[in-house]
């Protein structure tokens, strides 16, 4: 019985091979379709922006040779939820105003290891006229912005659920206070034009 099935299997395999060979012989230009593809090559060159074949640069012959490769690294640190509750505001009070730098003093050496330090500001700078407050409507003294710059922050994001804690004017004043401290900010804006302007940071 096993011999019978083996013979049948061999016959089917031979017939299938023969049919494939006949089909290939009956298809004119089958070999040419596989090797004549100059048009496809031109499309590929245009796709990579190379119209002149002579200008195509060869890839490095030894990609494993790292000495021939130039690598630029950028270290970014991100800090979330910078806010001031009333106990923190009181803790930062000094004889001449406020100083919150001691809050960040321990992490300043860590920030110095980064090329770019970003922080999310979860408070506003509503100004002394409005007064300072913690939860639920945050408004911190302007000295906080100066201390953030002193600690090593470069960019402050302001788009969060506390952005409007001091109203529309508070949004504008917060941006201006950050600018005065030498900080870049993004997230909330004073105009549509500012919103459409992309913030680009170039780190040396």
Protein backbone atom coordinates (compact mmCIF):
# COMPACT_ATOMS: atom_id res chain seq x y z
CA UNK A 1 0.00 0.00 0.00
CA UNK A 2 2.84 2.36 0.89
CA UNK A 3 4.59 1.62 -2.42
CA UNK A 4 1.41 2.44 -4.32
CA UNK A 5 1.11 5.90 -2.69
CA UNK A 6 4.80 6.59 -3.30
CA UNK A 7 4.39 5.89 -7.02
CA UNK A 8 1.30 8.16 -7.21
CA UNK A 9 3.16 10.97 -5.43
CA UNK A 10 6.10 10.73 -7.83
CA UNK A 11 3.77 10.85 -10.85
CA UNK A 12 2.01 13.99 -9.53
CA UNK A 13 5.36 15.70 -8.85
CA UNK A 14 6.59 14.95 -12.41
CA UNK A 15 3.36 16.23 -13.97
CA UNK A 16 3.50 19.45 -11.91
CA UNK A 17 7.12 20.08 -12.95
CA UNK A 18 6.29 19.49 -16.58
CA UNK A 19 3.32 21.88 -16.52
CA UNK A 20 5.44 24.62 -14.97
CA UNK A 21 8.13 24.13 -17.63
CA UNK A 22 5.56 24.28 -20.45
CA UNK A 23 3.98 27.43 -19.04
CA UNK A 24 7.39 29.13 -18.89
CA UNK A 25 8.12 28.16 -22.51
CA UNK A 26 4.75 29.49 -23.66
CA UNK A 27 5.30 32.92 -22.03
CA UNK A 28 7.25 35.07 -24.53
CA UNK A 29 9.84 37.41 -23.07
CA UNK A 30 9.64 35.96 -19.56
CA UNK A 31 13.40 36.20 -19.18
CA UNK A 32 13.45 39.76 -20.50
CA UNK A 33 10.84 40.86 -17.97
CA UNK A 34 13.21 39.87 -15.21
CA UNK A 35 16.38 41.52 -16.45
CA UNK A 36 15.32 44.53 -18.57
CA UNK A 37 14.28 47.09 -15.94
CA UNK A 38 16.08 50.34 -16.81
CA UNK A 39 12.87 52.31 -16.34
CA UNK A 40 12.38 50.94 -12.85
CA UNK A 41 15.92 51.99 -12.00
CA UNK A 42 15.28 55.55 -13.16
CA UNK A 43 12.14 55.78 -11.00
CA UNK A 44 14.10 54.64 -7.98
CA UNK A 45 16.79 57.25 -8.57
CA UNK A 46 14.22 60.02 -8.86
CA UNK A 47 12.60 58.78 -5.68
CA UNK A 48 15.79 59.41 -3.73
CA UNK A 49 16.38 62.71 -5.50
CA UNK A 50 19.20 61.54 -7.77
CA UNK A 51 18.57 62.46 -11.42
CA UNK A 52 22.20 62.02 -12.43
CA UNK A 53 23.40 58.39 -11.97
CA UNK A 54 27.01 59.61 -11.86
CA UNK A 55 26.26 61.67 -8.76
CA UNK A 56 25.15 58.66 -6.70
CA UNK A 57 27.63 58.21 -3.86
CA UNK A 58 28.73 54.75 -2.88
CA UNK A 59 27.95 53.55 0.62
CA UNK A 60 30.89 53.11 2.98
CA UNK A 61 32.60 49.81 2.20
CA UNK A 62 33.02 49.04 5.89
CA UNK A 63 29.94 50.23 7.82
CA UNK A 64 31.32 48.54 10.93
CA UNK A 65 34.24 50.98 11.02
CA UNK A 66 32.85 53.43 13.56
CA UNK A 67 35.93 55.61 13.35
CA UNK A 68 34.74 56.85 9.95
CA UNK A 69 31.28 57.81 11.23
CA UNK A 70 30.41 61.10 12.91
CA UNK A 71 27.82 60.87 15.69
CA UNK A 72 26.21 63.86 17.39
CA UNK A 73 24.43 63.30 20.69
CA UNK A 74 21.87 65.49 22.44
CA UNK A 75 20.88 64.81 26.03
CA UNK A 76 17.44 66.12 27.00
CA UNK A 77 15.98 66.17 30.50
CA UNK A 78 12.29 66.80 31.16
CA UNK A 79 10.72 67.77 34.49
CA UNK A 80 7.00 67.64 35.18
CA UNK A 81 4.59 69.55 37.39
CA UNK A 82 6.47 72.57 38.71
CA UNK A 83 3.91 74.17 41.02
CA UNK A 84 3.71 76.17 44.21
CA UNK A 85 1.23 75.37 46.94
CA UNK A 86 0.82 77.92 49.71
CA UNK A 87 3.20 76.11 52.10
CA UNK A 88 5.87 76.18 49.37
CA UNK A 89 5.28 79.85 48.69
CA UNK A 90 5.60 80.62 52.40
CA UNK A 91 8.77 78.51 52.59
CA UNK A 92 10.35 80.61 49.84
CA UNK A 93 9.68 83.95 51.49
CA UNK A 94 12.73 86.07 52.36
CA UNK A 95 13.25 89.51 53.87
CA UNK A 96 13.43 91.05 50.39
CA UNK A 97 10.94 88.92 48.50
CA UNK A 98 11.07 85.22 47.54
CA UNK A 99 13.79 82.72 46.77
CA UNK A 100 12.87 79.23 45.56
CA UNK A 101 16.31 78.20 44.36
CA UNK A 102 16.94 75.95 47.39
CA UNK A 103 14.06 73.79 46.09
CA UNK A 104 16.15 73.01 42.98
CA UNK A 105 19.66 73.22 44.39
CA UNK A 106 20.09 69.46 44.74
CA UNK A 107 19.13 68.74 41.13
CA UNK A 108 21.12 71.55 39.52
CA UNK A 109 24.22 69.33 39.05
CA UNK A 110 22.01 66.81 37.29
CA UNK A 111 20.66 69.47 34.93
CA UNK A 112 24.22 70.51 34.09
CA UNK A 113 24.73 67.11 32.45
CA UNK A 114 22.00 67.85 29.88
CA UNK A 115 22.13 69.88 26.69
CA UNK A 116 18.49 70.88 27.05
CA UNK A 117 16.28 70.97 30.15
CA UNK A 118 12.52 71.32 29.79
CA UNK A 119 10.00 71.83 32.58
CA UNK A 120 6.21 71.84 32.73
CA UNK A 121 4.97 74.85 34.69
CA UNK A 122 1.77 73.99 36.57
CA UNK A 123 1.27 77.49 37.94
CA UNK A 124 0.89 81.03 36.63
CA UNK A 125 2.55 84.34 37.34
CA UNK A 126 -0.52 86.42 38.07
CA UNK A 127 1.45 89.18 39.74
CA UNK A 128 1.40 90.69 43.25
CA UNK A 129 -1.76 92.65 42.44
CA UNK A 130 -3.69 89.43 41.98
CA UNK A 131 -1.97 87.82 44.93
CA UNK A 132 -0.31 84.46 45.38
CA UNK A 133 -2.26 81.26 45.78
CA UNK A 134 -1.98 77.49 45.66
CA UNK A 135 -4.61 74.89 44.87
CA UNK A 136 -6.98 75.09 43.09
CA UNK A 137 -5.94 78.30 41.27
CA UNK A 138 -2.18 78.57 41.28
CA UNK A 139 -0.31 81.87 41.11
CA UNK A 140 3.34 82.07 42.13
CA UNK A 141 5.77 84.95 42.70
CA UNK A 142 7.83 86.07 39.71
CA UNK A 143 11.03 85.03 41.48
CA UNK A 144 10.17 81.42 40.65
CA UNK A 145 10.90 82.10 36.96
CA UNK A 146 14.31 83.53 37.82
CA UNK A 147 15.07 80.54 40.05
CA UNK A 148 14.11 78.12 37.27
CA UNK A 149 16.62 79.80 34.98
CA UNK A 150 19.19 79.75 37.76
CA UNK A 151 18.63 76.04 38.30
CA UNK A 152 19.35 75.28 34.64
CA UNK A 153 16.00 75.14 32.85
CA UNK A 154 16.01 76.19 29.18
CA UNK A 155 12.41 75.74 28.01
CA UNK A 156 9.16 75.91 29.96
CA UNK A 157 5.90 74.41 28.71
CA UNK A 158 2.75 76.16 29.86
CA UNK A 159 -0.11 74.22 28.24
CA UNK A 160 -1.87 72.32 31.02
CA UNK A 161 -4.98 72.41 33.17
CA UNK A 162 -3.64 75.33 35.25
CA UNK A 163 -2.73 77.62 32.35
CA UNK A 164 -5.82 79.79 32.93
CA UNK A 165 -5.69 79.89 36.73
CA UNK A 166 -5.07 83.66 36.57
CA UNK A 167 -7.33 84.28 33.58
CA UNK A 168 -6.45 85.44 30.10
CA UNK A 169 -4.21 88.24 31.34
CA UNK A 170 -2.47 85.73 33.54
CA UNK A 171 -1.57 83.67 30.48
CA UNK A 172 0.03 86.70 28.86
CA UNK A 173 1.80 87.79 32.04
CA UNK A 174 3.18 84.30 32.62
CA UNK A 175 4.76 84.28 29.15
CA UNK A 176 6.22 87.75 29.71
CA UNK A 177 7.63 86.78 33.11
CA UNK A 178 9.34 83.73 31.66
CA UNK A 179 10.79 85.82 28.85
CA UNK A 180 12.08 88.40 31.33
CA UNK A 181 13.88 85.61 33.18
CA UNK A 182 15.59 84.48 29.97
CA UNK A 183 13.51 81.35 29.48
CA UNK A 184 11.94 80.06 26.28
CA UNK A 185 8.32 78.95 26.57
CA UNK A 186 5.76 77.14 24.48
CA UNK A 187 2.26 75.76 24.89
CA UNK A 188 0.28 78.97 25.43
CA UNK A 189 0.65 82.06 23.25
CA UNK A 190 -0.28 85.72 23.06
CA UNK A 191 -1.49 85.58 19.47
CA UNK A 192 -2.27 83.25 16.58
CA UNK A 193 0.94 84.39 14.92
CA UNK A 194 3.00 83.25 17.91
CA UNK A 195 1.12 79.97 17.96
CA UNK A 196 2.03 79.25 14.34
CA UNK A 197 5.68 80.10 14.94
CA UNK A 198 7.63 76.91 15.67
CA UNK A 199 10.02 77.12 18.61
CA UNK A 200 13.49 76.01 17.49
CA UNK A 201 16.24 75.48 20.05
CA UNK A 202 19.85 75.28 18.85
CA UNK A 203 22.19 73.81 21.42
CA UNK A 204 25.92 74.35 21.14
